[in-house]
């Protein structure tokens, strides 16, 4: 192992334990509150027509939040960084000539495409689909956006193509609207945000 990798691993471990410490004293809810059913985004509805296997109810239902070990934390950071640094942000209009089209990206994609790829890679790493939930949010400027919510025993963390830092959902500047159901990835549920998002709007990108 090189000195560079040793330093990087030490940093990741330190970051992990810092997150754990901040969780213990966090005043904001670590996990999102779900308040009912929601309609799926049209892009996901169309995606499920061609990827039916990824949109069926999970055989075991909701497996419960994942255990956030140090190894799992490193995996989240690595996958988020690798996809963000590999895929070029481009709109569906630029890529496909339509306003909305969800697809697995190879070289370029929009926010939903980043989320799809991260979800697939984390599932390949052994994480349950019930803990990897596509989530729709509003940015402070009112524009829609998509992120990947990772449910863990330390709270709901967000993987975002706009930042390499993996953050608790409640520490971001977004307003959370809806996400996939933990038991059925083809269905969606409403999120009760319940935070003063203007107070967290200054969080660095």
N, C-alpha and C. Protein backbone atom coordinates (compact mmCIF):
# COMPACT_ATOMS: atom_id res chain seq x y z
N UNK A 1 0.85 -1.20 0.00
CA UNK A 1 0.00 0.00 0.00
C UNK A 1 0.88 1.24 0.00
N UNK A 2 0.58 2.17 -0.87
CA UNK A 2 1.40 3.38 -0.97
C UNK A 2 1.08 4.33 0.18
N UNK A 3 2.00 5.29 0.38
CA UNK A 3 1.78 6.29 1.43
C UNK A 3 0.53 7.10 1.14
N UNK A 4 0.30 7.36 -0.16
CA UNK A 4 -0.88 8.13 -0.55
C UNK A 4 -2.17 7.40 -0.15
N UNK A 5 -2.21 6.07 -0.42
CA UNK A 5 -3.39 5.30 -0.07
C UNK A 5 -3.56 5.20 1.43
N UNK A 6 -2.43 5.08 2.15
CA UNK A 6 -2.49 5.02 3.61
C UNK A 6 -3.10 6.28 4.17
N UNK A 7 -2.66 7.43 3.67
CA UNK A 7 -3.19 8.71 4.13
C UNK A 7 -4.67 8.84 3.79
N UNK A 8 -5.01 8.38 2.57
CA UNK A 8 -6.42 8.46 2.13
C UNK A 8 -7.30 7.61 3.03
N UNK A 9 -6.86 6.38 3.35
CA UNK A 9 -7.65 5.50 4.20
C UNK A 9 -7.78 6.06 5.60
N UNK A 10 -6.72 6.68 6.09
CA UNK A 10 -6.77 7.30 7.41
C UNK A 10 -7.78 8.44 7.43
N UNK A 11 -7.78 9.21 6.34
CA UNK A 11 -8.73 10.32 6.24
C UNK A 11 -10.17 9.81 6.21
N UNK A 12 -10.40 8.74 5.44
CA UNK A 12 -11.74 8.19 5.35
C UNK A 12 -12.21 7.67 6.70
N UNK A 13 -11.30 7.02 7.43
CA UNK A 13 -11.65 6.51 8.75
C UNK A 13 -11.98 7.65 9.69
N UNK A 14 -11.17 8.71 9.66
CA UNK A 14 -11.41 9.87 10.50
C UNK A 14 -12.74 10.51 10.16
N UNK A 15 -13.04 10.60 8.85
CA UNK A 15 -14.31 11.16 8.42
C UNK A 15 -15.47 10.32 8.94
N UNK A 16 -15.32 9.01 8.89
CA UNK A 16 -16.37 8.11 9.35
C UNK A 16 -16.66 8.33 10.83
N UNK A 17 -15.61 8.37 11.64
CA UNK A 17 -15.82 8.54 13.07
C UNK A 17 -16.32 9.94 13.41
N UNK A 18 -15.97 10.93 12.59
CA UNK A 18 -16.50 12.29 12.78
C UNK A 18 -18.00 12.31 12.52
N UNK A 19 -18.41 11.60 11.47
CA UNK A 19 -19.84 11.50 11.16
C UNK A 19 -20.58 10.83 12.31
N UNK A 20 -20.02 9.76 12.83
CA UNK A 20 -20.66 9.05 13.93
C UNK A 20 -20.81 9.95 15.14
N UNK A 21 -19.79 10.75 15.41
CA UNK A 21 -19.84 11.66 16.56
C UNK A 21 -20.89 12.75 16.36
N UNK A 22 -20.93 13.29 15.14
CA UNK A 22 -21.90 14.36 14.87
C UNK A 22 -23.32 13.82 14.94
N UNK A 23 -23.50 12.54 14.58
CA UNK A 23 -24.81 11.93 14.63
C UNK A 23 -25.35 11.91 16.06
N UNK A 24 -24.45 11.65 17.00
CA UNK A 24 -24.86 11.51 18.39
C UNK A 24 -25.41 12.82 18.94
N UNK A 25 -24.91 13.95 18.40
CA UNK A 25 -25.32 15.25 18.94
C UNK A 25 -26.22 16.03 17.98
N UNK A 26 -26.59 15.41 16.87
CA UNK A 26 -27.39 16.12 15.86
C UNK A 26 -28.78 16.44 16.41
N UNK A 27 -29.24 17.66 16.15
CA UNK A 27 -30.58 18.06 16.60
C UNK A 27 -31.62 17.77 15.53
N UNK A 28 -31.22 17.72 14.27
CA UNK A 28 -32.14 17.42 13.17
C UNK A 28 -32.38 15.92 13.10
N UNK A 29 -33.54 15.51 12.60
CA UNK A 29 -33.83 14.07 12.52
C UNK A 29 -32.87 13.38 11.57
N UNK A 30 -32.24 12.28 12.00
CA UNK A 30 -31.29 11.58 11.14
C UNK A 30 -31.95 10.84 9.98
N UNK A 31 -33.23 10.51 10.14
CA UNK A 31 -33.94 9.76 9.11
C UNK A 31 -35.18 10.53 8.67
N UNK A 32 -35.54 10.39 7.40
CA UNK A 32 -36.70 11.09 6.85
C UNK A 32 -38.00 10.49 7.38
N UNK A 33 -39.01 11.33 7.52
CA UNK A 33 -40.35 10.87 7.92
C UNK A 33 -41.19 10.66 6.67
N UNK A 34 -41.79 9.49 6.56
CA UNK A 34 -42.63 9.14 5.41
C UNK A 34 -44.10 9.30 5.82
N UNK A 35 -44.89 9.96 4.97
CA UNK A 35 -46.27 10.29 5.36
C UNK A 35 -47.33 9.74 4.40
N UNK A 36 -46.96 8.93 3.46
CA UNK A 36 -47.98 8.37 2.57
C UNK A 36 -47.46 8.10 1.18
N UNK A 37 -48.37 7.71 0.31
CA UNK A 37 -48.01 7.35 -1.06
C UNK A 37 -47.81 8.59 -1.93
N UNK A 38 -47.02 8.43 -2.98
CA UNK A 38 -46.80 9.51 -3.94
C UNK A 38 -46.75 8.92 -5.35
N UNK A 39 -47.04 9.75 -6.32
CA UNK A 39 -46.92 9.31 -7.71
C UNK A 39 -45.45 9.28 -8.11
N UNK A 40 -45.04 8.28 -8.87
CA UNK A 40 -43.65 8.24 -9.33
C UNK A 40 -43.39 9.34 -10.36
N UNK A 41 -42.17 9.82 -10.44
CA UNK A 41 -41.83 10.75 -11.53
C UNK A 41 -42.08 10.07 -12.87
N UNK A 42 -42.48 10.82 -13.87
CA UNK A 42 -42.78 10.24 -15.18
C UNK A 42 -41.56 9.53 -15.75
N UNK A 43 -40.38 10.06 -15.48
CA UNK A 43 -39.16 9.42 -15.98
C UNK A 43 -38.95 8.05 -15.38
N UNK A 44 -39.25 7.90 -14.10
CA UNK A 44 -39.10 6.58 -13.46
C UNK A 44 -40.19 5.63 -13.92
N UNK A 45 -41.39 6.15 -14.11
CA UNK A 45 -42.48 5.33 -14.63
C UNK A 45 -42.11 4.72 -15.98
N UNK A 46 -41.55 5.54 -16.86
CA UNK A 46 -41.13 5.05 -18.17
C UNK A 46 -39.93 4.12 -18.05
N UNK A 47 -39.02 4.43 -17.14
CA UNK A 47 -37.85 3.58 -16.91
C UNK A 47 -38.28 2.17 -16.50
N UNK A 48 -39.30 2.08 -15.66
CA UNK A 48 -39.77 0.79 -15.18
C UNK A 48 -40.38 -0.06 -16.29
N UNK A 49 -40.85 0.57 -17.35
CA UNK A 49 -41.41 -0.20 -18.46
C UNK A 49 -40.34 -1.02 -19.17
N UNK A 50 -39.12 -0.50 -19.19
CA UNK A 50 -38.02 -1.20 -19.87
C UNK A 50 -37.07 -1.89 -18.90
N UNK A 51 -37.23 -1.63 -17.60
CA UNK A 51 -36.39 -2.26 -16.58
C UNK A 51 -37.30 -2.83 -15.49
N UNK A 52 -38.23 -3.68 -15.90
CA UNK A 52 -39.25 -4.19 -14.98
C UNK A 52 -38.65 -4.93 -13.79
N UNK A 53 -37.54 -5.63 -14.01
CA UNK A 53 -36.93 -6.38 -12.92
C UNK A 53 -36.47 -5.48 -11.79
N UNK A 54 -36.20 -4.21 -12.09
CA UNK A 54 -35.71 -3.29 -11.07
C UNK A 54 -36.83 -2.55 -10.36
N UNK A 55 -38.05 -2.83 -10.75
CA UNK A 55 -39.19 -2.08 -10.21
C UNK A 55 -40.24 -2.98 -9.57
N UNK A 56 -39.89 -4.23 -9.30
CA UNK A 56 -40.82 -5.14 -8.65
C UNK A 56 -40.66 -5.09 -7.14
N UNK A 57 -41.71 -5.46 -6.39
CA UNK A 57 -41.59 -5.53 -4.93
C UNK A 57 -40.43 -6.43 -4.53
N UNK A 58 -39.70 -6.05 -3.50
CA UNK A 58 -38.55 -6.83 -3.06
C UNK A 58 -39.02 -8.11 -2.39
N UNK A 59 -38.41 -9.26 -2.69
CA UNK A 59 -38.86 -10.55 -2.14
C UNK A 59 -38.98 -10.55 -0.62
N UNK A 60 -38.02 -9.93 0.05
CA UNK A 60 -38.06 -9.91 1.51
C UNK A 60 -38.67 -8.66 2.10
N UNK A 61 -39.21 -7.80 1.24
CA UNK A 61 -39.76 -6.54 1.72
C UNK A 61 -38.67 -5.60 2.19
N UNK A 62 -39.01 -4.72 3.09
CA UNK A 62 -38.06 -3.76 3.65
C UNK A 62 -37.12 -4.48 4.60
N UNK A 63 -35.85 -4.51 4.26
CA UNK A 63 -34.86 -5.22 5.08
C UNK A 63 -34.40 -4.40 6.27
N UNK A 64 -34.86 -3.16 6.39
CA UNK A 64 -34.40 -2.31 7.48
C UNK A 64 -33.13 -1.58 7.09
N UNK A 65 -32.80 -0.50 7.81
CA UNK A 65 -31.62 0.29 7.47
C UNK A 65 -30.33 -0.53 7.49
N UNK A 66 -29.42 -0.18 6.59
CA UNK A 66 -28.13 -0.86 6.53
C UNK A 66 -27.25 -0.49 7.71
N UNK A 67 -26.39 -1.38 8.11
CA UNK A 67 -25.41 -1.11 9.16
C UNK A 67 -24.28 -0.28 8.57
N UNK A 68 -24.08 0.91 9.09
CA UNK A 68 -23.05 1.79 8.54
C UNK A 68 -21.72 1.51 9.22
N UNK A 69 -20.99 0.54 8.67
CA UNK A 69 -19.65 0.24 9.16
C UNK A 69 -18.64 1.19 8.50
N UNK A 70 -17.42 1.15 8.97
CA UNK A 70 -16.38 1.96 8.34
C UNK A 70 -16.18 1.55 6.89
N UNK A 71 -16.24 0.24 6.62
CA UNK A 71 -16.08 -0.24 5.25
C UNK A 71 -17.22 0.25 4.36
N UNK A 72 -18.44 0.23 4.89
CA UNK A 72 -19.58 0.70 4.11
C UNK A 72 -19.46 2.19 3.82
N UNK A 73 -18.99 2.95 4.81
CA UNK A 73 -18.82 4.39 4.62
C UNK A 73 -17.80 4.67 3.51
N UNK A 74 -16.70 3.95 3.52
CA UNK A 74 -15.68 4.12 2.47
C UNK A 74 -16.26 3.80 1.10
N UNK A 75 -17.11 2.76 1.05
CA UNK A 75 -17.73 2.39 -0.22
C UNK A 75 -18.64 3.50 -0.73
N UNK A 76 -19.42 4.10 0.14
CA UNK A 76 -20.30 5.21 -0.26
C UNK A 76 -19.49 6.36 -0.83
N UNK A 77 -18.42 6.72 -0.13
CA UNK A 77 -17.58 7.83 -0.59
C UNK A 77 -16.94 7.51 -1.94
N UNK A 78 -16.47 6.29 -2.07
CA UNK A 78 -15.77 5.90 -3.31
C UNK A 78 -16.72 5.90 -4.50
N UNK A 79 -17.89 5.30 -4.35
CA UNK A 79 -18.83 5.21 -5.46
C UNK A 79 -19.32 6.61 -5.84
N UNK A 80 -19.62 7.43 -4.85
CA UNK A 80 -20.08 8.78 -5.14
C UNK A 80 -19.03 9.56 -5.91
N UNK A 81 -17.79 9.48 -5.45
CA UNK A 81 -16.70 10.21 -6.11
C UNK A 81 -16.43 9.66 -7.51
N UNK A 82 -16.37 8.33 -7.64
CA UNK A 82 -16.05 7.73 -8.93
C UNK A 82 -17.07 8.10 -10.00
N UNK A 83 -18.36 8.02 -9.66
CA UNK A 83 -19.39 8.34 -10.65
C UNK A 83 -19.37 9.84 -10.96
N UNK A 84 -19.23 10.67 -9.94
CA UNK A 84 -19.20 12.11 -10.17
C UNK A 84 -18.04 12.54 -11.04
N UNK A 85 -16.91 11.85 -10.92
CA UNK A 85 -15.72 12.24 -11.68
C UNK A 85 -15.64 11.58 -13.05
N UNK A 86 -16.51 10.58 -13.29
CA UNK A 86 -16.48 9.85 -14.55
C UNK A 86 -17.55 10.31 -15.53
N UNK A 87 -18.74 10.61 -15.01
CA UNK A 87 -19.88 10.96 -15.86
C UNK A 87 -19.96 12.48 -16.01
N UNK A 88 -20.13 12.92 -17.24
CA UNK A 88 -20.25 14.36 -17.53
C UNK A 88 -21.71 14.79 -17.41
N UNK A 89 -22.00 15.84 -16.66
CA UNK A 89 -23.39 16.31 -16.55
C UNK A 89 -23.90 16.86 -17.89
N UNK A 90 -25.02 16.32 -18.35
CA UNK A 90 -25.69 16.80 -19.56
C UNK A 90 -27.18 16.57 -19.39
N UNK A 91 -27.98 17.43 -19.98
CA UNK A 91 -29.43 17.30 -19.88
C UNK A 91 -29.95 16.23 -20.84
N UNK A 92 -31.16 15.76 -20.55
CA UNK A 92 -31.80 14.79 -21.44
C UNK A 92 -32.06 15.40 -22.82
N UNK A 93 -32.32 16.70 -22.82
CA UNK A 93 -32.56 17.38 -24.10
C UNK A 93 -31.31 17.32 -24.96
N UNK A 94 -30.15 17.53 -24.33
CA UNK A 94 -28.88 17.48 -25.06
C UNK A 94 -28.55 16.06 -25.52
N UNK A 95 -28.86 15.08 -24.68
CA UNK A 95 -28.48 13.70 -24.97
C UNK A 95 -29.47 12.97 -25.88
N UNK A 96 -30.77 13.15 -25.59
CA UNK A 96 -31.78 12.35 -26.26
C UNK A 96 -32.81 13.17 -27.05
N UNK A 97 -32.76 14.48 -26.89
CA UNK A 97 -33.70 15.33 -27.60
C UNK A 97 -35.07 15.39 -26.97
N UNK A 98 -35.19 14.91 -25.71
CA UNK A 98 -36.46 14.95 -24.99
C UNK A 98 -36.22 15.57 -23.62
N UNK A 99 -37.31 15.99 -22.97
CA UNK A 99 -37.18 16.68 -21.69
C UNK A 99 -36.82 15.73 -20.55
N UNK A 100 -37.33 14.50 -20.62
CA UNK A 100 -37.14 13.57 -19.50
C UNK A 100 -36.93 12.15 -20.01
N UNK A 101 -35.76 11.58 -19.68
CA UNK A 101 -35.47 10.21 -20.09
C UNK A 101 -34.44 9.65 -19.12
N UNK A 102 -34.85 8.66 -18.30
CA UNK A 102 -33.96 8.07 -17.31
C UNK A 102 -33.23 6.89 -17.94
N UNK A 103 -31.91 6.86 -17.78
CA UNK A 103 -31.11 5.79 -18.36
C UNK A 103 -29.79 5.65 -17.61
N UNK A 104 -29.18 4.49 -17.72
CA UNK A 104 -27.86 4.29 -17.14
C UNK A 104 -26.83 5.01 -18.01
N UNK A 105 -26.06 5.91 -17.43
CA UNK A 105 -25.09 6.67 -18.24
C UNK A 105 -23.80 5.89 -18.47
N UNK A 106 -23.17 6.16 -19.57
CA UNK A 106 -21.85 5.59 -19.85
C UNK A 106 -20.78 6.68 -19.83
N UNK A 107 -21.10 7.82 -20.42
CA UNK A 107 -20.15 8.94 -20.41
C UNK A 107 -20.80 10.23 -19.93
N UNK A 108 -22.12 10.35 -20.07
CA UNK A 108 -22.81 11.59 -19.70
C UNK A 108 -24.24 11.28 -19.27
N UNK A 109 -24.81 12.20 -18.47
CA UNK A 109 -26.18 12.02 -18.03
C UNK A 109 -26.62 13.15 -17.12
N UNK A 110 -27.91 13.17 -16.78
CA UNK A 110 -28.40 14.18 -15.85
C UNK A 110 -28.47 13.59 -14.45
N UNK A 111 -29.05 14.32 -13.50
CA UNK A 111 -28.98 13.91 -12.10
C UNK A 111 -29.60 12.53 -11.85
N UNK A 112 -30.73 12.23 -12.52
CA UNK A 112 -31.34 10.92 -12.32
C UNK A 112 -30.44 9.80 -12.81
N UNK A 113 -29.72 10.06 -13.90
CA UNK A 113 -28.83 9.04 -14.44
C UNK A 113 -27.66 8.75 -13.49
N UNK A 114 -27.14 9.80 -12.88
CA UNK A 114 -26.10 9.63 -11.86
C UNK A 114 -26.61 8.74 -10.73
N UNK A 115 -27.85 9.01 -10.30
CA UNK A 115 -28.44 8.24 -9.21
C UNK A 115 -28.61 6.78 -9.59
N UNK A 116 -29.11 6.52 -10.78
CA UNK A 116 -29.30 5.14 -11.23
C UNK A 116 -27.99 4.36 -11.21
N UNK A 117 -26.92 4.98 -11.69
CA UNK A 117 -25.63 4.30 -11.75
C UNK A 117 -25.08 4.04 -10.35
N UNK A 118 -25.17 5.04 -9.47
CA UNK A 118 -24.68 4.85 -8.10
C UNK A 118 -25.46 3.74 -7.40
N UNK A 119 -26.75 3.72 -7.62
CA UNK A 119 -27.60 2.68 -7.01
C UNK A 119 -27.18 1.30 -7.49
N UNK A 120 -26.97 1.17 -8.79
CA UNK A 120 -26.57 -0.12 -9.34
C UNK A 120 -25.21 -0.57 -8.78
N UNK A 121 -24.25 0.35 -8.73
CA UNK A 121 -22.90 0.01 -8.25
C UNK A 121 -22.92 -0.38 -6.78
N UNK A 122 -23.72 0.31 -5.98
CA UNK A 122 -23.79 -0.03 -4.55
C UNK A 122 -24.50 -1.36 -4.34
N UNK A 123 -25.47 -1.68 -5.17
CA UNK A 123 -26.09 -3.00 -5.09
C UNK A 123 -25.08 -4.09 -5.45
N UNK A 124 -24.22 -3.81 -6.42
CA UNK A 124 -23.16 -4.76 -6.77
C UNK A 124 -22.16 -4.94 -5.64
N UNK A 125 -22.07 -3.93 -4.78
CA UNK A 125 -21.19 -4.00 -3.61
C UNK A 125 -21.85 -4.73 -2.45
N UNK A 126 -23.11 -5.15 -2.63
CA UNK A 126 -23.79 -5.94 -1.61
C UNK A 126 -24.84 -5.21 -0.80
N UNK A 127 -25.09 -3.93 -1.11
CA UNK A 127 -26.12 -3.20 -0.38
C UNK A 127 -27.50 -3.57 -0.89
N UNK A 128 -28.48 -3.55 0.00
CA UNK A 128 -29.86 -3.91 -0.35
C UNK A 128 -30.54 -2.78 -1.11
N UNK A 129 -31.36 -3.17 -2.08
CA UNK A 129 -32.14 -2.18 -2.84
C UNK A 129 -33.07 -1.41 -1.92
N UNK A 130 -33.47 -1.99 -0.80
CA UNK A 130 -34.39 -1.31 0.12
C UNK A 130 -33.72 -0.15 0.84
N UNK A 131 -32.39 -0.07 0.75
CA UNK A 131 -31.66 1.03 1.40
C UNK A 131 -31.08 2.02 0.40
N UNK A 132 -31.38 1.84 -0.88
CA UNK A 132 -30.84 2.70 -1.94
C UNK A 132 -32.02 3.29 -2.71
N UNK A 133 -32.44 4.48 -2.32
CA UNK A 133 -33.72 5.01 -2.77
C UNK A 133 -33.55 6.30 -3.57
N UNK A 134 -34.01 6.27 -4.82
CA UNK A 134 -34.01 7.48 -5.65
C UNK A 134 -34.94 8.49 -4.98
N UNK A 135 -34.47 9.73 -4.86
CA UNK A 135 -35.20 10.74 -4.08
C UNK A 135 -35.30 12.04 -4.87
N UNK A 136 -36.49 12.63 -4.88
CA UNK A 136 -36.72 13.90 -5.57
C UNK A 136 -36.73 15.03 -4.56
N UNK A 137 -35.99 16.09 -4.86
CA UNK A 137 -35.87 17.23 -3.96
C UNK A 137 -36.04 18.53 -4.75
N UNK A 138 -36.19 19.62 -4.02
CA UNK A 138 -36.15 20.95 -4.60
C UNK A 138 -34.88 21.65 -4.14
N UNK A 139 -34.19 22.30 -5.07
CA UNK A 139 -33.05 23.12 -4.72
C UNK A 139 -33.55 24.46 -4.18
N UNK A 140 -32.67 25.21 -3.51
CA UNK A 140 -33.10 26.52 -2.98
C UNK A 140 -33.66 27.46 -4.05
N UNK A 141 -33.22 27.29 -5.31
CA UNK A 141 -33.73 28.15 -6.38
C UNK A 141 -35.06 27.66 -6.95
N UNK A 142 -35.59 26.57 -6.38
CA UNK A 142 -36.88 26.05 -6.81
C UNK A 142 -36.82 25.00 -7.89
N UNK A 143 -35.65 24.72 -8.42
CA UNK A 143 -35.51 23.72 -9.47
C UNK A 143 -35.51 22.32 -8.88
N UNK A 144 -36.09 21.37 -9.64
CA UNK A 144 -36.10 19.99 -9.20
C UNK A 144 -34.73 19.34 -9.35
N UNK A 145 -34.50 18.32 -8.55
CA UNK A 145 -33.21 17.63 -8.55
C UNK A 145 -33.45 16.22 -8.02
N UNK A 146 -32.54 15.31 -8.32
CA UNK A 146 -32.62 13.94 -7.80
C UNK A 146 -31.32 13.56 -7.13
N UNK A 147 -31.42 12.87 -6.01
CA UNK A 147 -30.26 12.37 -5.27
C UNK A 147 -30.55 10.93 -4.88
N UNK A 148 -29.52 10.24 -4.41
CA UNK A 148 -29.70 8.88 -3.92
C UNK A 148 -29.67 8.90 -2.39
N UNK A 149 -30.76 8.46 -1.77
CA UNK A 149 -30.79 8.32 -0.32
C UNK A 149 -30.31 6.93 0.06
N UNK A 150 -29.37 6.87 1.00
CA UNK A 150 -28.88 5.60 1.53
C UNK A 150 -29.33 5.51 2.99
N UNK A 151 -30.22 4.58 3.26
CA UNK A 151 -30.73 4.40 4.63
C UNK A 151 -29.72 3.60 5.45
N UNK A 152 -29.36 4.12 6.61
CA UNK A 152 -28.44 3.40 7.50
C UNK A 152 -28.93 3.50 8.94
N UNK A 153 -28.28 2.73 9.81
CA UNK A 153 -28.62 2.79 11.23
C UNK A 153 -28.15 4.09 11.88
N UNK A 154 -27.39 4.91 11.14
CA UNK A 154 -26.97 6.22 11.64
C UNK A 154 -27.72 7.36 10.96
N UNK A 155 -28.72 7.01 10.17
CA UNK A 155 -29.51 8.03 9.50
C UNK A 155 -29.50 7.87 8.00
N UNK A 156 -30.23 8.76 7.32
CA UNK A 156 -30.33 8.75 5.87
C UNK A 156 -29.28 9.69 5.27
N UNK A 157 -28.39 9.11 4.49
CA UNK A 157 -27.32 9.87 3.85
C UNK A 157 -27.64 10.07 2.37
N UNK A 158 -27.06 11.13 1.80
CA UNK A 158 -27.38 11.52 0.44
C UNK A 158 -26.14 11.52 -0.44
N UNK A 159 -26.24 10.82 -1.58
CA UNK A 159 -25.20 10.85 -2.61
C UNK A 159 -25.71 11.75 -3.72
N UNK A 160 -24.90 12.74 -4.08
CA UNK A 160 -25.35 13.84 -4.93
C UNK A 160 -24.31 14.10 -6.02
N UNK A 161 -24.76 14.30 -7.25
CA UNK A 161 -23.79 14.58 -8.31
C UNK A 161 -23.25 16.01 -8.23
N UNK A 162 -23.83 16.84 -7.36
CA UNK A 162 -23.36 18.22 -7.22
C UNK A 162 -22.27 18.37 -6.16
N UNK A 163 -21.99 17.30 -5.43
CA UNK A 163 -20.92 17.36 -4.42
C UNK A 163 -20.37 15.96 -4.19
N UNK A 164 -19.09 15.90 -3.84
CA UNK A 164 -18.48 14.62 -3.53
C UNK A 164 -18.64 14.24 -2.06
N UNK A 165 -18.98 15.21 -1.24
CA UNK A 165 -19.20 14.95 0.18
C UNK A 165 -20.52 14.21 0.36
N UNK A 166 -20.49 13.14 1.15
CA UNK A 166 -21.71 12.40 1.49
C UNK A 166 -22.24 12.98 2.80
N UNK A 167 -23.48 13.45 2.78
CA UNK A 167 -24.03 14.17 3.93
C UNK A 167 -25.33 13.56 4.40
N UNK A 168 -25.63 13.78 5.69
CA UNK A 168 -26.96 13.47 6.19
C UNK A 168 -27.98 14.32 5.43
N UNK A 169 -29.12 13.76 5.13
CA UNK A 169 -30.15 14.50 4.39
C UNK A 169 -30.49 15.82 5.08
N UNK A 170 -30.53 15.81 6.42
CA UNK A 170 -30.95 16.99 7.18
C UNK A 170 -29.90 18.09 7.20
N UNK A 171 -28.70 17.79 6.71
CA UNK A 171 -27.63 18.79 6.67
C UNK A 171 -27.53 19.46 5.31
N UNK A 172 -28.34 19.04 4.37
CA UNK A 172 -28.30 19.63 3.03
C UNK A 172 -29.28 20.79 2.94
N UNK A 173 -29.17 21.53 1.86
CA UNK A 173 -30.01 22.71 1.65
C UNK A 173 -31.29 22.40 0.87
N UNK A 174 -31.53 21.13 0.56
CA UNK A 174 -32.67 20.76 -0.26
C UNK A 174 -33.97 20.64 0.55
N UNK A 175 -35.09 20.76 -0.16
CA UNK A 175 -36.39 20.42 0.39
C UNK A 175 -36.77 19.06 -0.19
N UNK A 176 -37.04 18.09 0.67
CA UNK A 176 -37.27 16.72 0.23
C UNK A 176 -38.75 16.48 -0.01
N UNK A 177 -39.07 15.93 -1.19
CA UNK A 177 -40.45 15.75 -1.62
C UNK A 177 -40.92 14.30 -1.58
N UNK A 178 -40.21 13.42 -2.26
CA UNK A 178 -40.63 12.02 -2.31
C UNK A 178 -39.46 11.13 -2.70
N UNK A 179 -39.64 9.83 -2.43
CA UNK A 179 -38.59 8.87 -2.78
C UNK A 179 -39.23 7.50 -3.02
N UNK A 180 -38.42 6.58 -3.51
CA UNK A 180 -38.89 5.22 -3.72
C UNK A 180 -39.29 4.58 -2.39
N UNK A 181 -40.23 3.67 -2.44
CA UNK A 181 -40.59 2.89 -1.28
C UNK A 181 -39.46 1.90 -0.95
N UNK A 182 -39.20 1.71 0.33
CA UNK A 182 -38.15 0.78 0.75
C UNK A 182 -38.54 -0.67 0.50
N UNK A 183 -39.83 -0.94 0.37
CA UNK A 183 -40.29 -2.32 0.15
C UNK A 183 -40.57 -2.62 -1.31
N UNK A 184 -40.79 -1.57 -2.10
CA UNK A 184 -41.19 -1.76 -3.49
C UNK A 184 -40.60 -0.61 -4.33
N UNK A 185 -39.48 -0.85 -5.02
CA UNK A 185 -38.81 0.22 -5.76
C UNK A 185 -39.61 0.79 -6.92
N UNK A 186 -40.73 0.14 -7.27
CA UNK A 186 -41.58 0.67 -8.32
C UNK A 186 -42.60 1.66 -7.81
N UNK A 187 -42.72 1.76 -6.48
CA UNK A 187 -43.67 2.68 -5.86
C UNK A 187 -42.93 3.80 -5.14
N UNK A 188 -43.63 4.91 -4.92
CA UNK A 188 -43.01 6.08 -4.30
C UNK A 188 -43.83 6.53 -3.09
N UNK A 189 -43.13 7.20 -2.16
CA UNK A 189 -43.76 7.68 -0.93
C UNK A 189 -43.41 9.15 -0.72
N UNK A 190 -44.30 9.86 -0.02
CA UNK A 190 -44.08 11.27 0.29
C UNK A 190 -43.16 11.41 1.50
N UNK A 191 -42.37 12.48 1.49
CA UNK A 191 -41.48 12.78 2.60
C UNK A 191 -42.00 14.02 3.33
N UNK A 192 -42.09 13.92 4.65
CA UNK A 192 -42.41 15.11 5.45
C UNK A 192 -41.09 15.71 5.89
N UNK A 193 -40.70 16.80 5.23
CA UNK A 193 -39.38 17.38 5.50
C UNK A 193 -39.31 17.95 6.91
N UNK A 194 -40.18 18.89 7.23
CA UNK A 194 -40.26 19.39 8.59
C UNK A 194 -39.11 20.24 9.06
N UNK A 195 -38.22 20.68 8.16
CA UNK A 195 -37.08 21.51 8.55
C UNK A 195 -37.26 22.92 8.00
N UNK A 196 -36.56 23.84 8.64
CA UNK A 196 -36.47 25.19 8.09
C UNK A 196 -35.31 25.19 7.11
N UNK A 197 -35.61 24.96 5.82
CA UNK A 197 -34.55 24.78 4.84
C UNK A 197 -33.74 26.03 4.61
N UNK A 198 -34.28 27.20 4.97
CA UNK A 198 -33.49 28.43 4.81
C UNK A 198 -32.34 28.44 5.80
N UNK A 199 -32.51 27.69 6.92
CA UNK A 199 -31.46 27.66 7.93
C UNK A 199 -30.28 26.82 7.49
N UNK A 200 -30.54 25.86 6.59
CA UNK A 200 -29.46 25.00 6.15
C UNK A 200 -29.01 25.36 4.74
N UNK A 201 -29.56 26.41 4.20
CA UNK A 201 -29.24 26.80 2.83
C UNK A 201 -27.83 27.26 2.63
N UNK A 202 -27.13 27.56 3.74
CA UNK A 202 -25.75 28.03 3.62
C UNK A 202 -24.74 26.90 3.63
N UNK A 203 -25.21 25.65 3.70
CA UNK A 203 -24.29 24.53 3.70
C UNK A 203 -23.45 24.54 2.42
N UNK A 204 -22.16 24.36 2.53
CA UNK A 204 -21.29 24.43 1.36
C UNK A 204 -21.56 23.30 0.40
N UNK A 205 -21.37 23.56 -0.89
CA UNK A 205 -21.63 22.59 -1.93
C UNK A 205 -20.55 21.53 -1.98
